[in-house]
mmCIF file of all heavy atoms, coordinates in Angstrom:
data_MODEL
# 
_entry.id   MODEL 
# 
loop_
_atom_site.group_PDB 
_atom_site.id 
_atom_site.type_symbol 
_atom_site.label_atom_id 
_atom_site.label_alt_id 
_atom_site.label_comp_id 
_atom_site.label_asym_id 
_atom_site.label_entity_id 
_atom_site.label_seq_id 
_atom_site.pdbx_PDB_ins_code 
_atom_site.Cartn_x 
_atom_site.Cartn_y 
_atom_site.Cartn_z 
_atom_site.occupancy 
_atom_site.B_iso_or_equiv 
_atom_site.pdbx_formal_charge 
_atom_site.auth_seq_id 
_atom_site.auth_comp_id 
_atom_site.auth_asym_id 
_atom_site.auth_atom_id 
_atom_site.pdbx_PDB_model_num 
ATOM 1   N N   . LEU A 1 1  ? -8.211  4.053  -17.516 1.00 0.00 ? 1  LEU A N   1 
ATOM 2   C CA  . LEU A 1 1  ? -7.331  4.888  -16.693 1.00 0.00 ? 1  LEU A CA  1 
ATOM 3   C C   . LEU A 1 1  ? -7.822  4.933  -15.236 1.00 0.00 ? 1  LEU A C   1 
ATOM 4   O O   . LEU A 1 1  ? -7.036  4.813  -14.295 1.00 0.00 ? 1  LEU A O   1 
ATOM 5   C CB  . LEU A 1 1  ? -7.260  6.296  -17.273 1.00 0.00 ? 1  LEU A CB  1 
ATOM 6   C CG  . LEU A 1 1  ? -6.333  7.285  -16.569 1.00 0.00 ? 1  LEU A CG  1 
ATOM 7   C CD1 . LEU A 1 1  ? -4.887  6.795  -16.608 1.00 0.00 ? 1  LEU A CD1 1 
ATOM 8   C CD2 . LEU A 1 1  ? -6.441  8.658  -17.189 1.00 0.00 ? 1  LEU A CD2 1 
ATOM 9   N N   . ALA A 1 2  ? -9.128  5.067  -15.064 1.00 0.00 ? 2  ALA A N   1 
ATOM 10  C CA  . ALA A 1 2  ? -9.698  5.089  -13.706 1.00 0.00 ? 2  ALA A CA  1 
ATOM 11  C C   . ALA A 1 2  ? -9.458  3.770  -12.992 1.00 0.00 ? 2  ALA A C   1 
ATOM 12  O O   . ALA A 1 2  ? -9.095  3.743  -11.816 1.00 0.00 ? 2  ALA A O   1 
ATOM 13  C CB  . ALA A 1 2  ? -11.193 5.417  -13.770 1.00 0.00 ? 2  ALA A CB  1 
ATOM 14  N N   . LEU A 1 3  ? -9.666  2.637  -13.704 1.00 0.00 ? 3  LEU A N   1 
ATOM 15  C CA  . LEU A 1 3  ? -9.423  1.316  -13.110 1.00 0.00 ? 3  LEU A CA  1 
ATOM 16  C C   . LEU A 1 3  ? -7.966  1.130  -12.758 1.00 0.00 ? 3  LEU A C   1 
ATOM 17  O O   . LEU A 1 3  ? -7.614  0.613  -11.678 1.00 0.00 ? 3  LEU A O   1 
ATOM 18  C CB  . LEU A 1 3  ? -9.874  0.213  -14.076 1.00 0.00 ? 3  LEU A CB  1 
ATOM 19  C CG  . LEU A 1 3  ? -11.386 0.058  -14.265 1.00 0.00 ? 3  LEU A CG  1 
ATOM 20  C CD1 . LEU A 1 3  ? -11.702 -0.917 -15.394 1.00 0.00 ? 3  LEU A CD1 1 
ATOM 21  C CD2 . LEU A 1 3  ? -12.043 -0.403 -12.959 1.00 0.00 ? 3  LEU A CD2 1 
ATOM 22  N N   . GLU A 1 4  ? -7.082  1.561  -13.671 1.00 0.00 ? 4  GLU A N   1 
ATOM 23  C CA  . GLU A 1 4  ? -5.628  1.439  -13.408 1.00 0.00 ? 4  GLU A CA  1 
ATOM 24  C C   . GLU A 1 4  ? -5.210  2.300  -12.228 1.00 0.00 ? 4  GLU A C   1 
ATOM 25  O O   . GLU A 1 4  ? -4.423  1.877  -11.379 1.00 0.00 ? 4  GLU A O   1 
ATOM 26  C CB  . GLU A 1 4  ? -4.846  1.819  -14.672 1.00 0.00 ? 4  GLU A CB  1 
ATOM 27  C CG  . GLU A 1 4  ? -3.361  1.630  -14.562 1.00 0.00 ? 4  GLU A CG  1 
ATOM 28  C CD  . GLU A 1 4  ? -2.936  0.182  -14.360 1.00 0.00 ? 4  GLU A CD  1 
ATOM 29  O OE1 . GLU A 1 4  ? -3.710  -0.744 -14.632 1.00 0.00 ? 4  GLU A OE1 1 
ATOM 30  O OE2 . GLU A 1 4  ? -1.793  -0.018 -13.897 1.00 0.00 ? 4  GLU A OE2 1 
ATOM 31  N N   . SER A 1 5  ? -5.789  3.510  -12.142 1.00 0.00 ? 5  SER A N   1 
ATOM 32  C CA  . SER A 1 5  ? -5.467  4.402  -11.010 1.00 0.00 ? 5  SER A CA  1 
ATOM 33  C C   . SER A 1 5  ? -5.949  3.775  -9.712  1.00 0.00 ? 5  SER A C   1 
ATOM 34  O O   . SER A 1 5  ? -5.236  3.812  -8.694  1.00 0.00 ? 5  SER A O   1 
ATOM 35  C CB  . SER A 1 5  ? -6.149  5.768  -11.208 1.00 0.00 ? 5  SER A CB  1 
ATOM 36  O OG  . SER A 1 5  ? -5.587  6.428  -12.309 1.00 0.00 ? 5  SER A OG  1 
ATOM 37  N N   . ALA A 1 6  ? -7.136  3.186  -9.714  1.00 0.00 ? 6  ALA A N   1 
ATOM 38  C CA  . ALA A 1 6  ? -7.676  2.548  -8.506  1.00 0.00 ? 6  ALA A CA  1 
ATOM 39  C C   . ALA A 1 6  ? -6.790  1.361  -8.120  1.00 0.00 ? 6  ALA A C   1 
ATOM 40  O O   . ALA A 1 6  ? -6.491  1.163  -6.937  1.00 0.00 ? 6  ALA A O   1 
ATOM 41  C CB  . ALA A 1 6  ? -9.113  2.096  -8.753  1.00 0.00 ? 6  ALA A CB  1 
ATOM 42  N N   . ARG A 1 7  ? -6.374  0.574  -9.111  1.00 0.00 ? 7  ARG A N   1 
ATOM 43  C CA  . ARG A 1 7  ? -5.499  -0.562 -8.841  1.00 0.00 ? 7  ARG A CA  1 
ATOM 44  C C   . ARG A 1 7  ? -4.177  -0.111 -8.237  1.00 0.00 ? 7  ARG A C   1 
ATOM 45  O O   . ARG A 1 7  ? -3.671  -0.691 -7.270  1.00 0.00 ? 7  ARG A O   1 
ATOM 46  C CB  . ARG A 1 7  ? -5.260  -1.346 -10.134 1.00 0.00 ? 7  ARG A CB  1 
ATOM 47  C CG  . ARG A 1 7  ? -4.583  -2.691 -9.914  1.00 0.00 ? 7  ARG A CG  1 
ATOM 48  C CD  . ARG A 1 7  ? -4.170  -3.334 -11.220 1.00 0.00 ? 7  ARG A CD  1 
ATOM 49  N NE  . ARG A 1 7  ? -3.152  -2.616 -11.938 1.00 0.00 ? 7  ARG A NE  1 
ATOM 50  C CZ  . ARG A 1 7  ? -1.870  -2.546 -11.588 1.00 0.00 ? 7  ARG A CZ  1 
ATOM 51  N NH1 . ARG A 1 7  ? -1.445  -3.157 -10.500 1.00 0.00 ? 7  ARG A NH1 1 
ATOM 52  N NH2 . ARG A 1 7  ? -1.001  -1.884 -12.316 1.00 0.00 ? 7  ARG A NH2 1 
ATOM 53  N N   . LEU A 1 8  ? -3.613  0.971  -8.799  1.00 0.00 ? 8  LEU A N   1 
ATOM 54  C CA  . LEU A 1 8  ? -2.329  1.474  -8.272  1.00 0.00 ? 8  LEU A CA  1 
ATOM 55  C C   . LEU A 1 8  ? -2.485  2.013  -6.847  1.00 0.00 ? 8  LEU A C   1 
ATOM 56  O O   . LEU A 1 8  ? -1.618  1.820  -6.008  1.00 0.00 ? 8  LEU A O   1 
ATOM 57  C CB  . LEU A 1 8  ? -1.770  2.570  -9.194  1.00 0.00 ? 8  LEU A CB  1 
ATOM 58  C CG  . LEU A 1 8  ? -1.200  2.076  -10.525 1.00 0.00 ? 8  LEU A CG  1 
ATOM 59  C CD1 . LEU A 1 8  ? -0.855  3.254  -11.424 1.00 0.00 ? 8  LEU A CD1 1 
ATOM 60  C CD2 . LEU A 1 8  ? 0.020   1.205  -10.295 1.00 0.00 ? 8  LEU A CD2 1 
ATOM 61  N N   . ARG A 1 9  ? -3.588  2.705  -6.565  1.00 0.00 ? 9  ARG A N   1 
ATOM 62  C CA  . ARG A 1 9  ? -3.828  3.197  -5.202  1.00 0.00 ? 9  ARG A CA  1 
ATOM 63  C C   . ARG A 1 9  ? -3.950  2.055  -4.216  1.00 0.00 ? 9  ARG A C   1 
ATOM 64  O O   . ARG A 1 9  ? -3.407  2.095  -3.109  1.00 0.00 ? 9  ARG A O   1 
ATOM 65  C CB  . ARG A 1 9  ? -5.107  4.078  -5.178  1.00 0.00 ? 9  ARG A CB  1 
ATOM 66  C CG  . ARG A 1 9  ? -4.905  5.492  -5.675  1.00 0.00 ? 9  ARG A CG  1 
ATOM 67  C CD  . ARG A 1 9  ? -6.097  6.387  -5.322  1.00 0.00 ? 9  ARG A CD  1 
ATOM 68  N NE  . ARG A 1 9  ? -7.364  5.887  -5.823  1.00 0.00 ? 9  ARG A NE  1 
ATOM 69  C CZ  . ARG A 1 9  ? -7.847  6.148  -7.028  1.00 0.00 ? 9  ARG A CZ  1 
ATOM 70  N NH1 . ARG A 1 9  ? -7.167  6.865  -7.883  1.00 0.00 ? 9  ARG A NH1 1 
ATOM 71  N NH2 . ARG A 1 9  ? -9.011  5.636  -7.402  1.00 0.00 ? 9  ARG A NH2 1 
ATOM 72  N N   . GLU A 1 10 ? -4.663  1.009  -4.650  1.00 0.00 ? 10 GLU A N   1 
ATOM 73  C CA  . GLU A 1 10 ? -4.828  -0.167 -3.789  1.00 0.00 ? 10 GLU A CA  1 
ATOM 74  C C   . GLU A 1 10 ? -3.472  -0.855 -3.536  1.00 0.00 ? 10 GLU A C   1 
ATOM 75  O O   . GLU A 1 10 ? -3.144  -1.225 -2.400  1.00 0.00 ? 10 GLU A O   1 
ATOM 76  C CB  . GLU A 1 10 ? -5.800  -1.153 -4.453  1.00 0.00 ? 10 GLU A CB  1 
ATOM 77  C CG  . GLU A 1 10 ? -6.202  -2.298 -3.569  1.00 0.00 ? 10 GLU A CG  1 
ATOM 78  C CD  . GLU A 1 10 ? -7.209  -3.213 -4.263  1.00 0.00 ? 10 GLU A CD  1 
ATOM 79  O OE1 . GLU A 1 10 ? -8.164  -2.693 -4.859  1.00 0.00 ? 10 GLU A OE1 1 
ATOM 80  O OE2 . GLU A 1 10 ? -6.991  -4.443 -4.221  1.00 0.00 ? 10 GLU A OE2 1 
ATOM 81  N N   . ALA A 1 11 ? -2.670  -1.014 -4.582  1.00 0.00 ? 11 ALA A N   1 
ATOM 82  C CA  . ALA A 1 11 ? -1.357  -1.630 -4.445  1.00 0.00 ? 11 ALA A CA  1 
ATOM 83  C C   . ALA A 1 11 ? -0.473  -0.774 -3.536  1.00 0.00 ? 11 ALA A C   1 
ATOM 84  O O   . ALA A 1 11 ? 0.278   -1.296 -2.695  1.00 0.00 ? 11 ALA A O   1 
ATOM 85  C CB  . ALA A 1 11 ? -0.697  -1.809 -5.812  1.00 0.00 ? 11 ALA A CB  1 
ATOM 86  N N   . ASN A 1 12 ? -0.556  0.533  -3.697  1.00 0.00 ? 12 ASN A N   1 
ATOM 87  C CA  . ASN A 1 12 ? 0.236   1.459  -2.874  1.00 0.00 ? 12 ASN A CA  1 
ATOM 88  C C   . ASN A 1 12 ? -0.187  1.359  -1.398  1.00 0.00 ? 12 ASN A C   1 
ATOM 89  O O   . ASN A 1 12 ? 0.653   1.347  -0.499  1.00 0.00 ? 12 ASN A O   1 
ATOM 90  C CB  . ASN A 1 12 ? 0.078   2.889  -3.402  1.00 0.00 ? 12 ASN A CB  1 
ATOM 91  C CG  . ASN A 1 12 ? 1.062   3.841  -2.780  1.00 0.00 ? 12 ASN A CG  1 
ATOM 92  O OD1 . ASN A 1 12 ? 2.141   3.442  -2.369  1.00 0.00 ? 12 ASN A OD1 1 
ATOM 93  N ND2 . ASN A 1 12 ? 0.684   5.101  -2.684  1.00 0.00 ? 12 ASN A ND2 1 
ATOM 94  N N   . ALA A 1 13 ? -1.490  1.259  -1.181  1.00 0.00 ? 13 ALA A N   1 
ATOM 95  C CA  . ALA A 1 13 ? -1.986  1.149  0.198   1.00 0.00 ? 13 ALA A CA  1 
ATOM 96  C C   . ALA A 1 13 ? -1.519  -0.174 0.835   1.00 0.00 ? 13 ALA A C   1 
ATOM 97  O O   . ALA A 1 13 ? -1.124  -0.196 1.993   1.00 0.00 ? 13 ALA A O   1 
ATOM 98  C CB  . ALA A 1 13 ? -3.520  1.229  0.204   1.00 0.00 ? 13 ALA A CB  1 
ATOM 99  N N   . ARG A 1 14 ? -1.530  -1.278 0.058   1.00 0.00 ? 14 ARG A N   1 
ATOM 100 C CA  . ARG A 1 14 ? -1.041  -2.562 0.567   1.00 0.00 ? 14 ARG A CA  1 
ATOM 101 C C   . ARG A 1 14 ? 0.439   -2.477 0.896   1.00 0.00 ? 14 ARG A C   1 
ATOM 102 O O   . ARG A 1 14 ? 0.887   -2.998 1.924   1.00 0.00 ? 14 ARG A O   1 
ATOM 103 C CB  . ARG A 1 14 ? -1.264  -3.666 -0.484  1.00 0.00 ? 14 ARG A CB  1 
ATOM 104 C CG  . ARG A 1 14 ? -2.568  -4.346 -0.329  1.00 0.00 ? 14 ARG A CG  1 
ATOM 105 C CD  . ARG A 1 14 ? -2.650  -5.638 -1.144  1.00 0.00 ? 14 ARG A CD  1 
ATOM 106 N NE  . ARG A 1 14 ? -3.879  -5.605 -1.902  1.00 0.00 ? 14 ARG A NE  1 
ATOM 107 C CZ  . ARG A 1 14 ? -3.999  -5.597 -3.212  1.00 0.00 ? 14 ARG A CZ  1 
ATOM 108 N NH1 . ARG A 1 14 ? -2.935  -5.719 -3.955  1.00 0.00 ? 14 ARG A NH1 1 
ATOM 109 N NH2 . ARG A 1 14 ? -5.153  -5.532 -3.780  1.00 0.00 ? 14 ARG A NH2 1 
ATOM 110 N N   . GLN A 1 15 ? 1.193   -1.834 0.020   1.00 0.00 ? 15 GLN A N   1 
ATOM 111 C CA  . GLN A 1 15 ? 2.634   -1.687 0.228   1.00 0.00 ? 15 GLN A CA  1 
ATOM 112 C C   . GLN A 1 15 ? 2.905   -0.909 1.509   1.00 0.00 ? 15 GLN A C   1 
ATOM 113 O O   . GLN A 1 15 ? 3.782   -1.278 2.289   1.00 0.00 ? 15 GLN A O   1 
ATOM 114 C CB  . GLN A 1 15 ? 3.256   -0.965 -0.988  1.00 0.00 ? 15 GLN A CB  1 
ATOM 115 C CG  . GLN A 1 15 ? 4.747   -0.854 -0.922  1.00 0.00 ? 15 GLN A CG  1 
ATOM 116 C CD  . GLN A 1 15 ? 5.432   -2.195 -1.066  1.00 0.00 ? 15 GLN A CD  1 
ATOM 117 O OE1 . GLN A 1 15 ? 4.892   -3.129 -1.658  1.00 0.00 ? 15 GLN A OE1 1 
ATOM 118 N NE2 . GLN A 1 15 ? 6.601   -2.316 -0.487  1.00 0.00 ? 15 GLN A NE2 1 
ATOM 119 N N   . GLN A 1 16 ? 2.148   0.145  1.735   1.00 0.00 ? 16 GLN A N   1 
ATOM 120 C CA  . GLN A 1 16 ? 2.326   0.940  2.949   1.00 0.00 ? 16 GLN A CA  1 
ATOM 121 C C   . GLN A 1 16 ? 1.978   0.126  4.192   1.00 0.00 ? 16 GLN A C   1 
ATOM 122 O O   . GLN A 1 16 ? 2.618   0.247  5.231   1.00 0.00 ? 16 GLN A O   1 
ATOM 123 C CB  . GLN A 1 16 ? 1.483   2.213  2.881   1.00 0.00 ? 16 GLN A CB  1 
ATOM 124 C CG  . GLN A 1 16 ? 2.037   3.249  1.917   1.00 0.00 ? 16 GLN A CG  1 
ATOM 125 C CD  . GLN A 1 16 ? 1.167   4.483  1.811   1.00 0.00 ? 16 GLN A CD  1 
ATOM 126 O OE1 . GLN A 1 16 ? 0.061   4.528  2.394   1.00 0.00 ? 16 GLN A OE1 1 
ATOM 127 N NE2 . GLN A 1 16 ? 1.640   5.466  1.079   1.00 0.00 ? 16 GLN A NE2 1 
ATOM 128 N N   . MET A 1 17 ? 0.935   -0.723 4.073   1.00 0.00 ? 17 MET A N   1 
ATOM 129 C CA  . MET A 1 17 ? 0.561   -1.553 5.209   1.00 0.00 ? 17 MET A CA  1 
ATOM 130 C C   . MET A 1 17 ? 1.669   -2.569 5.516   1.00 0.00 ? 17 MET A C   1 
ATOM 131 O O   . MET A 1 17 ? 1.989   -2.812 6.684   1.00 0.00 ? 17 MET A O   1 
ATOM 132 C CB  . MET A 1 17 ? -0.761  -2.264 4.932   1.00 0.00 ? 17 MET A CB  1 
ATOM 133 C CG  . MET A 1 17 ? -1.951  -1.355 5.077   1.00 0.00 ? 17 MET A CG  1 
ATOM 134 S SD  . MET A 1 17 ? -3.591  -2.026 4.683   1.00 0.00 ? 17 MET A SD  1 
ATOM 135 C CE  . MET A 1 17 ? -3.524  -3.710 5.040   1.00 0.00 ? 17 MET A CE  1 
ATOM 136 N N   . LEU A 1 18 ? 2.271   -3.164 4.474   1.00 0.00 ? 18 LEU A N   1 
ATOM 137 C CA  . LEU A 1 18 ? 3.359   -4.115 4.695   1.00 0.00 ? 18 LEU A CA  1 
ATOM 138 C C   . LEU A 1 18 ? 4.554   -3.447 5.331   1.00 0.00 ? 18 LEU A C   1 
ATOM 139 O O   . LEU A 1 18 ? 5.183   -4.003 6.242   1.00 0.00 ? 18 LEU A O   1 
ATOM 140 C CB  . LEU A 1 18 ? 3.762   -4.758 3.361   1.00 0.00 ? 18 LEU A CB  1 
ATOM 141 C CG  . LEU A 1 18 ? 2.816   -5.788 2.777   1.00 0.00 ? 18 LEU A CG  1 
ATOM 142 C CD1 . LEU A 1 18 ? 3.267   -6.213 1.375   1.00 0.00 ? 18 LEU A CD1 1 
ATOM 143 C CD2 . LEU A 1 18 ? 2.740   -7.017 3.700   1.00 0.00 ? 18 LEU A CD2 1 
ATOM 144 N N   . VAL A 1 19 ? 4.880   -2.272 4.854   1.00 0.00 ? 19 VAL A N   1 
ATOM 145 C CA  . VAL A 1 19 ? 6.009   -1.534 5.433   1.00 0.00 ? 19 VAL A CA  1 
ATOM 146 C C   . VAL A 1 19 ? 5.718   -1.211 6.900   1.00 0.00 ? 19 VAL A C   1 
ATOM 147 O O   . VAL A 1 19 ? 6.572   -1.374 7.778   1.00 0.00 ? 19 VAL A O   1 
ATOM 148 C CB  . VAL A 1 19 ? 6.287   -0.248 4.621   1.00 0.00 ? 19 VAL A CB  1 
ATOM 149 C CG1 . VAL A 1 19 ? 7.225   0.687  5.375   1.00 0.00 ? 19 VAL A CG1 1 
ATOM 150 C CG2 . VAL A 1 19 ? 6.840   -0.587 3.253   1.00 0.00 ? 19 VAL A CG2 1 
ATOM 151 N N   . ALA A 1 20 ? 4.485   -0.802 7.157   1.00 0.00 ? 20 ALA A N   1 
ATOM 152 C CA  . ALA A 1 20 ? 4.096   -0.452 8.536   1.00 0.00 ? 20 ALA A CA  1 
ATOM 153 C C   . ALA A 1 20 ? 4.186   -1.673 9.429   1.00 0.00 ? 20 ALA A C   1 
ATOM 154 O O   . ALA A 1 20 ? 4.596   -1.560 10.595  1.00 0.00 ? 20 ALA A O   1 
ATOM 155 C CB  . ALA A 1 20 ? 2.699   0.148  8.535   1.00 0.00 ? 20 ALA A CB  1 
ATOM 156 N N   . GLU A 1 21 ? 3.791   -2.876 8.943   1.00 0.00 ? 21 GLU A N   1 
ATOM 157 C CA  . GLU A 1 21 ? 3.846   -4.068 9.768   1.00 0.00 ? 21 GLU A CA  1 
ATOM 158 C C   . GLU A 1 21 ? 5.286   -4.522 10.051  1.00 0.00 ? 21 GLU A C   1 
ATOM 159 O O   . GLU A 1 21 ? 5.561   -5.100 11.092  1.00 0.00 ? 21 GLU A O   1 
ATOM 160 C CB  . GLU A 1 21 ? 3.122   -5.220 9.042   1.00 0.00 ? 21 GLU A CB  1 
ATOM 161 C CG  . GLU A 1 21 ? 1.616   -5.094 9.071   1.00 0.00 ? 21 GLU A CG  1 
ATOM 162 C CD  . GLU A 1 21 ? 0.928   -6.194 8.265   1.00 0.00 ? 21 GLU A CD  1 
ATOM 163 O OE1 . GLU A 1 21 ? 1.625   -7.115 7.774   1.00 0.00 ? 21 GLU A OE1 1 
ATOM 164 O OE2 . GLU A 1 21 ? -0.285  -6.117 8.121   1.00 0.00 ? 21 GLU A OE2 1 
ATOM 165 N N   . LYS A 1 22 ? 6.193   -4.236 9.157   1.00 0.00 ? 22 LYS A N   1 
ATOM 166 C CA  . LYS A 1 22 ? 7.574   -4.665 9.346   1.00 0.00 ? 22 LYS A CA  1 
ATOM 167 C C   . LYS A 1 22 ? 8.383   -3.728 10.218  1.00 0.00 ? 22 LYS A C   1 
ATOM 168 O O   . LYS A 1 22 ? 9.490   -4.072 10.638  1.00 0.00 ? 22 LYS A O   1 
ATOM 169 C CB  . LYS A 1 22 ? 8.255   -4.803 7.965   1.00 0.00 ? 22 LYS A CB  1 
ATOM 170 C CG  . LYS A 1 22 ? 7.713   -5.973 7.190   1.00 0.00 ? 22 LYS A CG  1 
ATOM 171 C CD  . LYS A 1 22 ? 8.437   -6.129 5.883   1.00 0.00 ? 22 LYS A CD  1 
ATOM 172 C CE  . LYS A 1 22 ? 7.881   -7.326 5.130   1.00 0.00 ? 22 LYS A CE  1 
ATOM 173 N NZ  . LYS A 1 22 ? 8.478   -7.533 3.868   1.00 0.00 ? 22 LYS A NZ  1 
ATOM 174 N N   . GLN A 1 23 ? 7.859   -2.544 10.452  1.00 0.00 ? 23 GLN A N   1 
ATOM 175 C CA  . GLN A 1 23 ? 8.600   -1.603 11.294  1.00 0.00 ? 23 GLN A CA  1 
ATOM 176 C C   . GLN A 1 23 ? 8.643   -2.124 12.727  1.00 0.00 ? 23 GLN A C   1 
ATOM 177 O O   . GLN A 1 23 ? 7.671   -2.685 13.221  1.00 0.00 ? 23 GLN A O   1 
ATOM 178 C CB  . GLN A 1 23 ? 7.926   -0.226 11.289  1.00 0.00 ? 23 GLN A CB  1 
ATOM 179 C CG  . GLN A 1 23 ? 8.149   0.547  10.036  1.00 0.00 ? 23 GLN A CG  1 
ATOM 180 C CD  . GLN A 1 23 ? 7.449   1.905  10.113  1.00 0.00 ? 23 GLN A CD  1 
ATOM 181 O OE1 . GLN A 1 23 ? 6.571   2.116  10.958  1.00 0.00 ? 23 GLN A OE1 1 
ATOM 182 N NE2 . GLN A 1 23 ? 7.840   2.799  9.229   1.00 0.00 ? 23 GLN A NE2 1 
ATOM 183 N N   . PRO A 1 24 ? 9.775   -1.983 13.414  1.00 0.00 ? 24 PRO A N   1 
ATOM 184 C CA  . PRO A 1 24 ? 9.828   -2.402 14.816  1.00 0.00 ? 24 PRO A CA  1 
ATOM 185 C C   . PRO A 1 24 ? 8.830   -1.610 15.658  1.00 0.00 ? 24 PRO A C   1 
ATOM 186 O O   . PRO A 1 24 ? 8.517   -0.479 15.369  1.00 0.00 ? 24 PRO A O   1 
ATOM 187 C CB  . PRO A 1 24 ? 11.254  -2.092 15.235  1.00 0.00 ? 24 PRO A CB  1 
ATOM 188 C CG  . PRO A 1 24 ? 12.013  -1.809 13.973  1.00 0.00 ? 24 PRO A CG  1 
ATOM 189 C CD  . PRO A 1 24 ? 11.025  -1.475 12.929  1.00 0.00 ? 24 PRO A CD  1 
ATOM 190 N N   . ARG A 1 25 ? 8.373   -2.297 16.699  1.00 0.00 ? 25 ARG A N   1 
ATOM 191 C CA  . ARG A 1 25 ? 7.361   -1.661 17.557  1.00 0.00 ? 25 ARG A CA  1 
ATOM 192 C C   . ARG A 1 25 ? 7.882   -0.390 18.179  1.00 0.00 ? 25 ARG A C   1 
ATOM 193 O O   . ARG A 1 25 ? 7.126   0.560  18.338  1.00 0.00 ? 25 ARG A O   1 
ATOM 194 C CB  . ARG A 1 25 ? 6.952   -2.634 18.658  1.00 0.00 ? 25 ARG A CB  1 
ATOM 195 C CG  . ARG A 1 25 ? 6.090   -3.726 18.158  1.00 0.00 ? 25 ARG A CG  1 
ATOM 196 C CD  . ARG A 1 25 ? 5.649   -4.614 19.341  1.00 0.00 ? 25 ARG A CD  1 
ATOM 197 N NE  . ARG A 1 25 ? 4.952   -5.763 18.865  1.00 0.00 ? 25 ARG A NE  1 
ATOM 198 C CZ  . ARG A 1 25 ? 3.661   -5.803 18.719  1.00 0.00 ? 25 ARG A CZ  1 
ATOM 199 N NH1 . ARG A 1 25 ? 2.947   -4.787 19.018  1.00 0.00 ? 25 ARG A NH1 1 
ATOM 200 N NH2 . ARG A 1 25 ? 3.078   -6.882 18.275  1.00 0.00 ? 25 ARG A NH2 1 
ATOM 201 N N   . TRP A 1 26 ? 9.131   -0.426 18.549  1.00 0.00 ? 26 TRP A N   1 
ATOM 202 C CA  . TRP A 1 26 ? 9.660   0.761  19.259  1.00 0.00 ? 26 TRP A CA  1 
ATOM 203 C C   . TRP A 1 26 ? 9.658   1.996  18.339  1.00 0.00 ? 26 TRP A C   1 
ATOM 204 O O   . TRP A 1 26 ? 9.565   3.108  18.815  1.00 0.00 ? 26 TRP A O   1 
ATOM 205 C CB  . TRP A 1 26 ? 11.057  0.491  19.801  1.00 0.00 ? 26 TRP A CB  1 
ATOM 206 C CG  . TRP A 1 26 ? 12.103  0.171  18.760  1.00 0.00 ? 26 TRP A CG  1 
ATOM 207 C CD1 . TRP A 1 26 ? 12.455  -1.017 18.287  1.00 0.00 ? 26 TRP A CD1 1 
ATOM 208 C CD2 . TRP A 1 26 ? 12.913  1.130  18.081  1.00 0.00 ? 26 TRP A CD2 1 
ATOM 209 N NE1 . TRP A 1 26 ? 13.440  -0.920 17.368  1.00 0.00 ? 26 TRP A NE1 1 
ATOM 210 C CE2 . TRP A 1 26 ? 13.737  0.429  17.201  1.00 0.00 ? 26 TRP A CE2 1 
ATOM 211 C CE3 . TRP A 1 26 ? 13.022  2.530  18.124  1.00 0.00 ? 26 TRP A CE3 1 
ATOM 212 C CZ2 . TRP A 1 26 ? 14.642  1.058  16.378  1.00 0.00 ? 26 TRP A CZ2 1 
ATOM 213 C CZ3 . TRP A 1 26 ? 13.965  3.126  17.317  1.00 0.00 ? 26 TRP A CZ3 1 
ATOM 214 C CH2 . TRP A 1 26 ? 14.746  2.377  16.448  1.00 0.00 ? 26 TRP A CH2 1 
# 
């Protein structure tokens, strides 16, 4: 459960970074 939670947090953090990179600069 701890490993799965860590994996999900990491995936969530990557997803947020991708969303943040795709947002227009303005």
